[in-house]
C-alpha cells in the first residue's frame, strides 16, 4: 500500500531508483531528444544545401551585444576593402575569365565572348563606383571615424559613446548597402554570363565553374557558407544514428552557443536566440549522458571499448 501512496512523490522527484541511475523513462526521453535534435540539424542542412545561395552574412552583419564586432568581421569583405578596390576586383575577374576558359576548353570565338563579358562587367563596375563616389567616400570616412572611437579606451568605457558608435555603424551600413548590392549583382551576373558561353555539350561534360570570392581571412562567410550545410547534416546524422554522440553533441552545442552569443542579449519573439540557447543546453545533456549508447551505434562501440579495456561489457 505504501508503495502506491508514495508513487506521486516518486514521480515528482524522479522515477528512477537512484538519481545516479537512468530509468527506462529517462532513457526513452534521452533517445527521443537525440533523434529530435538530430532530425532538426539534418533538415536545416538540407534546406541550406538546396537553397544554393544560403549565406550567414545577414545574420553576422546584424550581430548585437559585446561580441558583435567579432561576428561582423566574419562577413566576407565586411568593410568593402575588396569590392571597392578596382585593381583587385578586375584582376580577380580576369583570372576567372582565363580559368573558366581552360575549364570548359573554349575555342577562340568563345574566348572572345568571355573577354567581352569581362569588359562589360568591368565597365558596369566602374560606372557604379563613379556614380556612387560620394556615398563611397562618406562610408570610408565613417569607417575611419569608427576605428578611432573603437581604439579610444576612454570612449569605449562610456556607454553613451558606445551607443553612438553603433548608431553611426548602422547608418553607414544602410547607406552603403545599395552600392554593395549593385556590385554583388555584377559579380553574380558575370559568373552566369561566363558559364553561358559554354555549349550544351561542354556543360554536359563539366560542372558549372563558380566565381569564388578571394579569401580575405582564414575564416569568413566565403568559407562558412560552404561548410555549414554539410556541418549541419553531418552532426544531424551522427545524432540520429547515435554515432560519436558526445563529439557531435558538443559540436552542435558550440555552434548553437555561438549563435546565441552573436545575438546577445536575446530579444523576445520568433527570432529570439533563446531557442538556440535551449537547444544548446539540450545538446550538452546528450553529450554528458552519452545518449548514443541508448538505441544508437555508440552502444556497440562502447562494448568494444570496454572489452579491450578489460571491463565487463554487460555491466553499466
C-alpha atoms as a PDB file:
ATOM      1  CA  UNK A   1       0.000   0.000   0.000  1.00  0.00           C
ATOM      2  CA  UNK A   2       2.794   2.419   0.911  1.00  0.00           C
ATOM      3  CA  UNK A   3       4.310   1.772  -2.479  1.00  0.00           C
ATOM      4  CA  UNK A   4       1.224   3.097  -4.257  1.00  0.00           C
ATOM      5  CA  UNK A   5       0.762   6.006  -1.854  1.00  0.00           C
ATOM      6  CA  UNK A   6       4.325   7.154  -2.455  1.00  0.00           C
ATOM      7  CA  UNK A   7       4.030   6.858  -6.266  1.00  0.00           C
ATOM      8  CA  UNK A   8       3.060  10.532  -6.773  1.00  0.00           C
ATOM      9  CA  UNK A   9       6.009  11.669  -4.652  1.00  0.00           C
ATOM     10  CA  UNK A  10       8.325   9.320  -6.517  1.00  0.00           C
ATOM     11  CA  UNK A  11       7.100  10.706  -9.817  1.00  0.00           C
ATOM     12  CA  UNK A  12       7.618  14.271  -8.597  1.00  0.00           C
ATOM     13  CA  UNK A  13      11.225  13.798  -7.529  1.00  0.00           C
ATOM     14  CA  UNK A  14      12.261  11.248 -10.183  1.00  0.00           C
ATOM     15  CA  UNK A  15      11.088   7.777 -11.071  1.00  0.00           C
ATOM     16  CA  UNK A  16      14.495   6.110 -11.068  1.00  0.00           C
ATOM     17  CA  UNK A  17      15.644   4.108  -8.072  1.00  0.00           C
ATOM     18  CA  UNK A  18      18.701   6.337  -7.696  1.00  0.00           C
ATOM     19  CA  UNK A  19      19.421   9.811  -9.084  1.00  0.00           C
ATOM     20  CA  UNK A  20      22.719   8.355 -10.321  1.00  0.00           C
ATOM     21  CA  UNK A  21      20.941   5.747 -12.434  1.00  0.00           C
ATOM     22  CA  UNK A  22      18.797   6.347 -15.501  1.00  0.00           C
ATOM     23  CA  UNK A  23      15.452   4.606 -15.541  1.00  0.00           C
ATOM     24  CA  UNK A  24      13.609   3.372 -18.624  1.00  0.00           C
ATOM     25  CA  UNK A  25      11.603   6.576 -18.972  1.00  0.00           C
ATOM     26  CA  UNK A  26      14.748   8.720 -18.798  1.00  0.00           C
ATOM     27  CA  UNK A  27      16.463   6.561 -21.413  1.00  0.00           C
ATOM     28  CA  UNK A  28      13.463   6.810 -23.755  1.00  0.00           C
ATOM     29  CA  UNK A  29      13.297  10.589 -23.315  1.00  0.00           C
ATOM     30  CA  UNK A  30      17.030  10.997 -23.981  1.00  0.00           C
ATOM     31  CA  UNK A  31      16.710   8.878 -27.114  1.00  0.00           C
ATOM     32  CA  UNK A  32      13.759  10.935 -28.349  1.00  0.00           C
ATOM     33  CA  UNK A  33      15.662  14.150 -27.575  1.00  0.00           C
ATOM     34  CA  UNK A  34      18.666  12.898 -29.556  1.00  0.00           C
ATOM     35  CA  UNK A  35      16.505  11.888 -32.517  1.00  0.00           C
ATOM     36  CA  UNK A  36      14.617  15.184 -32.487  1.00  0.00           C
ATOM     37  CA  UNK A  37      17.738  17.359 -32.419  1.00  0.00           C
ATOM     38  CA  UNK A  38      19.394  15.121 -34.999  1.00  0.00           C
ATOM     39  CA  UNK A  39      16.474  15.462 -37.388  1.00  0.00           C
ATOM     40  CA  UNK A  40      16.416  19.226 -36.813  1.00  0.00           C
ATOM     41  CA  UNK A  41      20.071  19.543 -37.845  1.00  0.00           C
ATOM     42  CA  UNK A  42      19.599  17.295 -40.885  1.00  0.00           C
ATOM     43  CA  UNK A  43      16.584  19.255 -42.122  1.00  0.00           C
ATOM     44  CA  UNK A  44      18.381  22.581 -41.579  1.00  0.00           C
ATOM     45  CA  UNK A  45      21.410  21.323 -43.514  1.00  0.00           C
ATOM     46  CA  UNK A  46      19.286  20.027 -46.397  1.00  0.00           C
ATOM     47  CA  UNK A  47      17.364  23.316 -46.615  1.00  0.00           C
ATOM     48  CA  UNK A  48      20.610  25.318 -46.740  1.00  0.00           C
ATOM     49  CA  UNK A  49      22.115  22.993 -49.341  1.00  0.00           C
ATOM     50  CA  UNK A  50      19.040  23.021 -51.579  1.00  0.00           C
ATOM     51  CA  UNK A  51      18.749  26.810 -51.356  1.00  0.00           C
ATOM     52  CA  UNK A  52      22.097  27.037 -53.112  1.00  0.00           C
ATOM     53  CA  UNK A  53      22.631  30.670 -52.169  1.00  0.00           C
ATOM     54  CA  UNK A  54      22.289  30.390 -48.401  1.00  0.00           C
ATOM     55  CA  UNK A  55      24.596  32.722 -46.510  1.00  0.00           C
ATOM     56  CA  UNK A  56      25.269  33.576 -42.879  1.00  0.00           C
ATOM     57  CA  UNK A  57      26.018  37.135 -43.982  1.00  0.00           C
ATOM     58  CA  UNK A  58      22.698  38.742 -42.874  1.00  0.00           C
ATOM     59  CA  UNK A  59      22.952  37.032 -39.502  1.00  0.00           C
ATOM     60  CA  UNK A  60      26.533  38.135 -38.800  1.00  0.00           C
ATOM     61  CA  UNK A  61      26.018  41.602 -40.253  1.00  0.00           C
ATOM     62  CA  UNK A  62      23.170  42.241 -37.790  1.00  0.00           C
ATOM     63  CA  UNK A  63      25.015  40.835 -34.765  1.00  0.00           C
ATOM     64  CA  UNK A  64      24.493  42.625 -31.466  1.00  0.00           C
ATOM     65  CA  UNK A  65      25.960  42.597 -27.998  1.00  0.00           C
ATOM     66  CA  UNK A  66      29.556  42.612 -26.710  1.00  0.00           C
ATOM     67  CA  UNK A  67      30.767  40.190 -29.406  1.00  0.00           C
ATOM     68  CA  UNK A  68      29.058  41.977 -32.299  1.00  0.00           C
ATOM     69  CA  UNK A  69      32.309  43.357 -33.714  1.00  0.00           C
ATOM     70  CA  UNK A  70      33.862  39.905 -33.915  1.00  0.00           C
ATOM     71  CA  UNK A  71      30.849  38.395 -35.683  1.00  0.00           C
ATOM     72  CA  UNK A  72      30.541  41.303 -38.141  1.00  0.00           C
ATOM     73  CA  UNK A  73      34.134  40.729 -39.206  1.00  0.00           C
ATOM     74  CA  UNK A  74      33.172  37.173 -40.202  1.00  0.00           C
ATOM     75  CA  UNK A  75      31.231  38.661 -43.129  1.00  0.00           C
ATOM     76  CA  UNK A  76      33.299  38.437 -46.300  1.00  0.00           C
ATOM     77  CA  UNK A  77      34.647  41.892 -47.183  1.00  0.00           C
ATOM     78  CA  UNK A  78      32.554  43.441 -44.407  1.00  0.00           C
ATOM     79  CA  UNK A  79      34.202  46.830 -44.868  1.00  0.00           C
ATOM     80  CA  UNK A  80      34.204  46.768 -48.679  1.00  0.00           C
ATOM     81  CA  UNK A  81      38.002  46.708 -48.967  1.00  0.00           C
ATOM     82  CA  UNK A  82      37.924  44.156 -51.790  1.00  0.00           C
ATOM     83  CA  UNK A  83      34.825  45.252 -53.668  1.00  0.00           C
ATOM     84  CA  UNK A  84      35.866  48.909 -53.707  1.00  0.00           C
ATOM     85  CA  UNK A  85      39.368  48.131 -54.967  1.00  0.00           C
ATOM     86  CA  UNK A  86      39.254  48.418 -58.774  1.00  0.00           C
ATOM     87  CA  UNK A  87      42.589  46.732 -59.430  1.00  0.00           C
ATOM     88  CA  UNK A  88      41.926  43.727 -57.174  1.00  0.00           C
ATOM     89  CA  UNK A  89      38.381  43.224 -58.429  1.00  0.00           C
ATOM     90  CA  UNK A  90      39.221  43.386 -62.124  1.00  0.00           C
ATOM     91  CA  UNK A  91      42.310  41.224 -61.622  1.00  0.00           C
ATOM     92  CA  UNK A  92      40.130  38.586 -59.962  1.00  0.00           C
ATOM     93  CA  UNK A  93      37.609  38.745 -62.822  1.00  0.00           C
ATOM     94  CA  UNK A  94      40.388  38.459 -65.435  1.00  0.00           C
ATOM     95  CA  UNK A  95      41.789  35.411 -63.646  1.00  0.00           C
ATOM     96  CA  UNK A  96      38.302  33.861 -63.589  1.00  0.00           C
ATOM     97  CA  UNK A  97      37.908  34.543 -67.335  1.00  0.00           C
ATOM     98  CA  UNK A  98      41.098  32.612 -68.065  1.00  0.00           C
ATOM     99  CA  UNK A  99      40.284  29.794 -65.635  1.00  0.00           C
ATOM    100  CA  UNK A 100      36.773  29.168 -66.960  1.00  0.00           C
ATOM    101  CA  UNK A 101      38.178  29.129 -70.498  1.00  0.00           C
ATOM    102  CA  UNK A 102      40.549  26.307 -69.508  1.00  0.00           C
ATOM    103  CA  UNK A 103      37.792  24.563 -67.521  1.00  0.00           C
ATOM    104  CA  UNK A 104      35.420  24.214 -70.476  1.00  0.00           C
ATOM    105  CA  UNK A 105      38.021  24.245 -73.243  1.00  0.00           C
ATOM    106  CA  UNK A 106      36.758  27.355 -75.044  1.00  0.00           C
ATOM    107  CA  UNK A 107      37.654  27.873 -78.691  1.00  0.00           C
ATOM    108  CA  UNK A 108      38.862  31.253 -79.965  1.00  0.00           C
ATOM    109  CA  UNK A 109      35.338  32.529 -80.594  1.00  0.00           C
ATOM    110  CA  UNK A 110      34.259  31.589 -77.083  1.00  0.00           C
ATOM    111  CA  UNK A 111      37.385  33.176 -75.596  1.00  0.00           C
ATOM    112  CA  UNK A 112      36.496  36.419 -77.376  1.00  0.00           C
ATOM    113  CA  UNK A 113      32.965  36.252 -75.974  1.00  0.00           C
ATOM    114  CA  UNK A 114      34.346  35.591 -72.482  1.00  0.00           C
ATOM    115  CA  UNK A 115      36.582  38.646 -72.841  1.00  0.00           C
ATOM    116  CA  UNK A 116      33.609  40.752 -73.904  1.00  0.00           C
ATOM    117  CA  UNK A 117      31.753  39.606 -70.778  1.00  0.00           C
ATOM    118  CA  UNK A 118      34.758  40.657 -68.721  1.00  0.00           C
ATOM    119  CA  UNK A 119      34.914  44.082 -70.390  1.00  0.00           C
ATOM    120  CA  UNK A 120      31.180  44.630 -69.875  1.00  0.00           C
ATOM    121  CA  UNK A 121      31.362  43.666 -66.180  1.00  0.00           C
ATOM    122  CA  UNK A 122      34.378  45.936 -65.648  1.00  0.00           C
ATOM    123  CA  UNK A 123      32.576  48.830 -67.351  1.00  0.00           C
ATOM    124  CA  UNK A 124      29.436  48.340 -65.234  1.00  0.00           C
ATOM    125  CA  UNK A 125      31.553  48.124 -62.102  1.00  0.00           C
ATOM    126  CA  UNK A 126      33.446  51.329 -62.843  1.00  0.00           C
ATOM    127  CA  UNK A 127      30.167  53.120 -63.599  1.00  0.00           C
ATOM    128  CA  UNK A 128      28.796  52.152 -60.186  1.00  0.00           C
ATOM    129  CA  UNK A 129      31.929  53.435 -58.465  1.00  0.00           C
ATOM    130  CA  UNK A 130      31.727  56.695 -60.404  1.00  0.00           C
ATOM    131  CA  UNK A 131      28.010  57.276 -59.806  1.00  0.00           C
ATOM    132  CA  UNK A 132      28.234  56.364 -56.116  1.00  0.00           C
ATOM    133  CA  UNK A 133      31.548  58.110 -55.419  1.00  0.00           C
ATOM    134  CA  UNK A 134      30.051  60.386 -52.751  1.00  0.00           C
ATOM    135  CA  UNK A 135      28.396  57.529 -50.858  1.00  0.00           C
ATOM    136  CA  UNK A 136      31.608  55.505 -51.004  1.00  0.00           C
ATOM    137  CA  UNK A 137      33.722  58.389 -49.740  1.00  0.00           C
ATOM    138  CA  UNK A 138      31.278  59.031 -46.897  1.00  0.00           C
ATOM    139  CA  UNK A 139      31.354  55.330 -45.998  1.00  0.00           C
ATOM    140  CA  UNK A 140      35.139  55.161 -45.907  1.00  0.00           C
ATOM    141  CA  UNK A 141      35.406  58.315 -43.823  1.00  0.00           C
ATOM    142  CA  UNK A 142      32.804  56.922 -41.441  1.00  0.00           C
ATOM    143  CA  UNK A 143      34.760  53.681 -41.051  1.00  0.00           C
ATOM    144  CA  UNK A 144      37.845  55.671 -40.180  1.00  0.00           C
ATOM    145  CA  UNK A 145      35.948  57.592 -37.536  1.00  0.00           C
ATOM    146  CA  UNK A 146      34.548  54.398 -36.024  1.00  0.00           C
ATOM    147  CA  UNK A 147      38.038  52.875 -35.865  1.00  0.00           C
ATOM    148  CA  UNK A 148      39.254  55.929 -33.969  1.00  0.00           C
ATOM    149  CA  UNK A 149      36.425  55.593 -31.463  1.00  0.00           C
ATOM    150  CA  UNK A 150      36.982  51.850 -31.109  1.00  0.00           C
ATOM    151  CA  UNK A 151      40.633  52.490 -30.357  1.00  0.00           C
ATOM    152  CA  UNK A 152      39.863  55.096 -27.721  1.00  0.00           C
ATOM    153  CA  UNK A 153      39.951  53.206 -24.442  1.00  0.00           C
ATOM    154  CA  UNK A 154      38.255  56.052 -22.617  1.00  0.00           C
ATOM    155  CA  UNK A 155      35.447  56.323 -25.142  1.00  0.00           C
ATOM    156  CA  UNK A 156      34.896  52.582 -25.041  1.00  0.00           C
ATOM    157  CA  UNK A 157      34.068  52.811 -21.369  1.00  0.00           C
ATOM    158  CA  UNK A 158      31.341  55.408 -21.885  1.00  0.00           C
ATOM    159  CA  UNK A 159      28.010  53.758 -22.649  1.00  0.00           C
ATOM    160  CA  UNK A 160      26.589  56.790 -24.444  1.00  0.00           C
ATOM    161  CA  UNK A 161      29.549  56.929 -26.843  1.00  0.00           C
ATOM    162  CA  UNK A 162      29.306  53.177 -27.362  1.00  0.00           C
ATOM    163  CA  UNK A 163      25.693  53.612 -28.398  1.00  0.00           C
ATOM    164  CA  UNK A 164      26.727  56.452 -30.668  1.00  0.00           C
ATOM    165  CA  UNK A 165      29.255  54.225 -32.429  1.00  0.00           C
ATOM    166  CA  UNK A 166      26.589  51.599 -33.031  1.00  0.00           C
ATOM    167  CA  UNK A 167      24.235  54.208 -34.450  1.00  0.00           C
ATOM    168  CA  UNK A 168      26.911  55.521 -36.804  1.00  0.00           C
ATOM    169  CA  UNK A 169      27.861  51.989 -37.862  1.00  0.00           C
ATOM    170  CA  UNK A 170      24.240  51.084 -38.560  1.00  0.00           C
ATOM    171  CA  UNK A 171      23.639  54.285 -40.534  1.00  0.00           C
ATOM    172  CA  UNK A 172      26.764  53.715 -42.627  1.00  0.00           C
ATOM    173  CA  UNK A 173      25.756  50.119 -43.353  1.00  0.00           C
ATOM    174  CA  UNK A 174      22.305  51.191 -44.507  1.00  0.00           C
ATOM    175  CA  UNK A 175      23.693  53.882 -46.805  1.00  0.00           C
ATOM    176  CA  UNK A 176      26.351  51.718 -48.431  1.00  0.00           C
ATOM    177  CA  UNK A 177      24.183  48.581 -48.719  1.00  0.00           C
ATOM    178  CA  UNK A 178      22.640  49.559 -52.120  1.00  0.00           C
ATOM    179  CA  UNK A 179      26.135  50.141 -53.524  1.00  0.00           C
ATOM    180  CA  UNK A 180      27.403  46.754 -52.374  1.00  0.00           C
ATOM    181  CA  UNK A 181      24.208  45.133 -53.659  1.00  0.00           C
ATOM    182  CA  UNK A 182      24.865  46.539 -57.132  1.00  0.00           C
ATOM    183  CA  UNK A 183      28.481  45.371 -57.078  1.00  0.00           C
ATOM    184  CA  UNK A 184      27.456  41.915 -55.836  1.00  0.00           C
ATOM    185  CA  UNK A 185      24.900  41.711 -58.652  1.00  0.00           C
ATOM    186  CA  UNK A 186      27.650  42.447 -61.189  1.00  0.00           C
ATOM    187  CA  UNK A 187      29.745  39.613 -59.703  1.00  0.00           C
ATOM    188  CA  UNK A 188      26.809  37.204 -59.964  1.00  0.00           C
ATOM    189  CA  UNK A 189      25.794  38.276 -63.467  1.00  0.00           C
ATOM    190  CA  UNK A 190      29.397  37.989 -64.638  1.00  0.00           C
ATOM    191  CA  UNK A 191      29.615  34.427 -63.319  1.00  0.00           C
ATOM    192  CA  UNK A 192      26.330  33.499 -65.028  1.00  0.00           C
ATOM    193  CA  UNK A 193      27.334  35.094 -68.335  1.00  0.00           C
ATOM    194  CA  UNK A 194      30.697  33.328 -68.438  1.00  0.00           C
ATOM    195  CA  UNK A 195      29.161  29.910 -67.769  1.00  0.00           C
ATOM    196  CA  UNK A 196      26.603  30.521 -70.527  1.00  0.00           C
ATOM    197  CA  UNK A 197      29.439  30.861 -73.040  1.00  0.00           C
ATOM    198  CA  UNK A 198      29.901  27.090 -72.800  1.00  0.00           C
ATOM    199  CA  UNK A 199      27.966  24.983 -75.292  1.00  0.00           C
ATOM    200  CA  UNK A 200      25.416  22.404 -74.177  1.00  0.00           C
ATOM    201  CA  UNK A 201      27.981  19.681 -74.864  1.00  0.00           C
ATOM    202  CA  UNK A 202      30.622  21.420 -72.751  1.00  0.00           C
ATOM    203  CA  UNK A 203      28.142  21.960 -69.934  1.00  0.00           C
ATOM    204  CA  UNK A 204      27.241  18.270 -70.045  1.00  0.00           C
ATOM    205  CA  UNK A 205      30.885  17.270 -69.677  1.00  0.00           C
ATOM    206  CA  UNK A 206      31.790  19.764 -66.960  1.00  0.00           C
ATOM    207  CA  UNK A 207      30.166  21.180 -63.863  1.00  0.00           C
ATOM    208  CA  UNK A 208      29.405  24.904 -63.727  1.00  0.00           C
ATOM    209  CA  UNK A 209      32.538  26.825 -62.799  1.00  0.00           C
ATOM    210  CA  UNK A 210      31.964  29.103 -59.778  1.00  0.00           C
ATOM    211  CA  UNK A 211      33.392  32.581 -59.364  1.00  0.00           C
ATOM    212  CA  UNK A 212      34.992  32.112 -55.957  1.00  0.00           C
ATOM    213  CA  UNK A 213      35.391  35.171 -53.764  1.00  0.00           C
ATOM    214  CA  UNK A 214      39.062  35.665 -52.881  1.00  0.00           C
ATOM    215  CA  UNK A 215      39.913  34.572 -49.351  1.00  0.00           C
ATOM    216  CA  UNK A 216      40.486  37.694 -47.248  1.00  0.00           C
ATOM    217  CA  UNK A 217      40.663  35.946 -43.873  1.00  0.00           C
ATOM    218  CA  UNK A 218      41.257  32.443 -42.626  1.00  0.00           C
ATOM    219  CA  UNK A 219      37.580  32.222 -41.670  1.00  0.00           C
ATOM    220  CA  UNK A 220      34.737  34.338 -43.035  1.00  0.00           C
ATOM    221  CA  UNK A 221      31.439  33.759 -44.819  1.00  0.00           C
ATOM    222  CA  UNK A 222      33.229  32.781 -48.034  1.00  0.00           C
ATOM    223  CA  UNK A 223      34.257  29.644 -46.116  1.00  0.00           C
ATOM    224  CA  UNK A 224      31.478  29.391 -43.528  1.00  0.00           C
ATOM    225  CA  UNK A 225      28.676  29.422 -46.120  1.00  0.00           C
ATOM    226  CA  UNK A 226      30.093  26.339 -47.836  1.00  0.00           C
ATOM    227  CA  UNK A 227      30.778  24.440 -44.596  1.00  0.00           C
ATOM    228  CA  UNK A 228      27.629  24.991 -42.520  1.00  0.00           C
ATOM    229  CA  UNK A 229      25.158  22.953 -44.657  1.00  0.00           C
ATOM    230  CA  UNK A 230      27.438  19.912 -44.533  1.00  0.00           C
ATOM    231  CA  UNK A 231      28.225  20.505 -40.859  1.00  0.00           C
ATOM    232  CA  UNK A 232      24.516  20.532 -40.049  1.00  0.00           C
ATOM    233  CA  UNK A 233      23.873  17.313 -41.974  1.00  0.00           C
ATOM    234  CA  UNK A 234      26.912  15.536 -40.511  1.00  0.00           C
ATOM    235  CA  UNK A 235      26.008  16.448 -36.932  1.00  0.00           C
ATOM    236  CA  UNK A 236      22.381  15.546 -37.600  1.00  0.00           C
ATOM    237  CA  UNK A 237      23.198  12.088 -38.938  1.00  0.00           C
ATOM    238  CA  UNK A 238      25.605  11.374 -36.069  1.00  0.00           C
ATOM    239  CA  UNK A 239      22.909  12.254 -33.544  1.00  0.00           C
ATOM    240  CA  UNK A 240      20.197  10.386 -35.427  1.00  0.00           C
ATOM    241  CA  UNK A 241      22.333   7.242 -35.625  1.00  0.00           C
ATOM    242  CA  UNK A 242      23.775   7.678 -32.144  1.00  0.00           C
ATOM    243  CA  UNK A 243      27.311   7.647 -33.575  1.00  0.00           C
ATOM    244  CA  UNK A 244      30.106   9.514 -31.746  1.00  0.00           C
ATOM    245  CA  UNK A 245      27.295  11.267 -29.906  1.00  0.00           C
ATOM    246  CA  UNK A 246      29.360  13.200 -27.325  1.00  0.00           C
ATOM    247  CA  UNK A 247      31.551  14.716 -30.049  1.00  0.00           C
ATOM    248  CA  UNK A 248      28.597  15.527 -32.323  1.00  0.00           C
ATOM    249  CA  UNK A 249      26.560  16.946 -29.442  1.00  0.00           C
ATOM    250  CA  UNK A 250      29.436  19.145 -28.243  1.00  0.00           C
ATOM    251  CA  UNK A 251      29.980  20.416 -31.796  1.00  0.00           C
ATOM    252  CA  UNK A 252      26.274  21.215 -32.059  1.00  0.00           C
ATOM    253  CA  UNK A 253      26.333  22.918 -28.644  1.00  0.00           C
ATOM    254  CA  UNK A 254      29.313  25.056 -29.657  1.00  0.00           C
ATOM    255  CA  UNK A 255      27.615  26.068 -32.888  1.00  0.00           C
ATOM    256  CA  UNK A 256      24.324  26.929 -31.181  1.00  0.00           C
ATOM    257  CA  UNK A 257      26.150  28.734 -28.384  1.00  0.00           C
ATOM    258  CA  UNK A 258      27.919  30.958 -30.907  1.00  0.00           C
ATOM    259  CA  UNK A 259      24.565  31.765 -32.495  1.00  0.00           C
ATOM    260  CA  UNK A 260      23.227  32.799 -29.091  1.00  0.00           C
ATOM    261  CA  UNK A 261      26.268  34.986 -28.358  1.00  0.00           C
ATOM    262  CA  UNK A 262      26.000  36.709 -31.742  1.00  0.00           C
ATOM    263  CA  UNK A 263      22.515  37.942 -30.858  1.00  0.00           C
ATOM    264  CA  UNK A 264      23.083  38.757 -27.190  1.00  0.00           C
ATOM    265  CA  UNK A 265      21.159  39.910 -25.275  1.00  0.00           C
ATOM    266  CA  UNK A 266      18.317  37.944 -26.873  1.00  0.00           C
ATOM    267  CA  UNK A 267      15.068  39.639 -27.807  1.00  0.00           C
ATOM    268  CA  UNK A 268      11.606  38.149 -27.479  1.00  0.00           C
ATOM    269  CA  UNK A 269       9.653  36.817 -30.415  1.00  0.00           C
ATOM    270  CA  UNK A 270      10.126  34.150 -33.098  1.00  0.00           C
ATOM    271  CA  UNK A 271      13.658  35.350 -33.956  1.00  0.00           C
ATOM    272  CA  UNK A 272      14.904  35.210 -30.373  1.00  0.00           C
ATOM    273  CA  UNK A 273      18.234  33.421 -29.888  1.00  0.00           C
ATOM    274  CA  UNK A 274      16.853  31.924 -26.662  1.00  0.00           C
ATOM    275  CA  UNK A 275      15.731  28.979 -28.793  1.00  0.00           C
ATOM    276  CA  UNK A 276      19.335  28.281 -29.780  1.00  0.00           C
ATOM    277  CA  UNK A 277      20.388  28.528 -26.128  1.00  0.00           C
ATOM    278  CA  UNK A 278      17.769  25.974 -25.085  1.00  0.00           C
ATOM    279  CA  UNK A 279      18.820  23.532 -27.808  1.00  0.00           C
ATOM    280  CA  UNK A 280      22.468  24.164 -26.880  1.00  0.00           C
ATOM    281  CA  UNK A 281      21.758  23.076 -23.308  1.00  0.00           C
ATOM    282  CA  UNK A 282      19.909  20.000 -24.592  1.00  0.00           C
ATOM    283  CA  UNK A 283      22.969  19.065 -26.680  1.00  0.00           C
ATOM    284  CA  UNK A 284      25.158  19.344 -23.585  1.00  0.00           C
ATOM    285  CA  UNK A 285      22.818  16.908 -21.830  1.00  0.00           C
ATOM    286  CA  UNK A 286      23.206  14.451 -24.733  1.00  0.00           C
ATOM    287  CA  UNK A 287      26.978  14.793 -24.582  1.00  0.00           C
ATOM    288  CA  UNK A 288      27.154  14.398 -20.786  1.00  0.00           C
ATOM    289  CA  UNK A 289      24.972  11.279 -20.720  1.00  0.00           C
ATOM    290  CA  UNK A 290      26.488   9.567 -23.759  1.00  0.00           C
ATOM    291  CA  UNK A 291      22.965   9.294 -25.156  1.00  0.00           C
ATOM    292  CA  UNK A 292      24.141   7.440 -28.265  1.00  0.00           C
ATOM    293  CA  UNK A 293      24.592   4.297 -26.174  1.00  0.00           C
ATOM    294  CA  UNK A 294      20.798   4.097 -25.909  1.00  0.00           C
ATOM    295  CA  UNK A 295      19.367   2.735 -29.171  1.00  0.00           C
ATOM    296  CA  UNK A 296      22.376   4.040 -31.066  1.00  0.00           C
ATOM    297  CA  UNK A 297      25.572   2.789 -32.691  1.00  0.00           C
ATOM    298  CA  UNK A 298      27.619   4.056 -29.752  1.00  0.00           C
ATOM    299  CA  UNK A 299      26.213   1.080 -27.814  1.00  0.00           C
ATOM    300  CA  UNK A 300      28.333  -1.290 -29.904  1.00  0.00           C
ATOM    301  CA  UNK A 301      31.377   0.985 -29.834  1.00  0.00           C
ATOM    302  CA  UNK A 302      31.016   1.157 -26.053  1.00  0.00           C
ATOM    303  CA  UNK A 303      31.029  -2.651 -25.857  1.00  0.00           C
ATOM    304  CA  UNK A 304      34.216  -2.854 -27.929  1.00  0.00           C
ATOM    305  CA  UNK A 305      35.964  -0.221 -25.804  1.00  0.00           C
ATOM    306  CA  UNK A 306      35.024  -1.943 -22.559  1.00  0.00           C
ATOM    307  CA  UNK A 307      36.138  -5.291 -23.925  1.00  0.00           C
ATOM    308  CA  UNK A 308      39.593  -4.077 -24.898  1.00  0.00           C
ATOM    309  CA  UNK A 309      39.914  -2.215 -21.608  1.00  0.00           C
ATOM    310  CA  UNK A 310      39.319  -5.400 -19.687  1.00  0.00           C
ATOM    311  CA  UNK A 311      35.890  -4.361 -18.382  1.00  0.00           C
ATOM    312  CA  UNK A 312      32.728  -6.395 -18.291  1.00  0.00           C
ATOM    313  CA  UNK A 313      30.659  -5.261 -21.282  1.00  0.00           C
ATOM    314  CA  UNK A 314      27.454  -6.350 -19.634  1.00  0.00           C
ATOM    315  CA  UNK A 315      27.789  -4.018 -16.667  1.00  0.00           C
ATOM    316  CA  UNK A 316      26.665  -0.386 -16.657  1.00  0.00           C
END
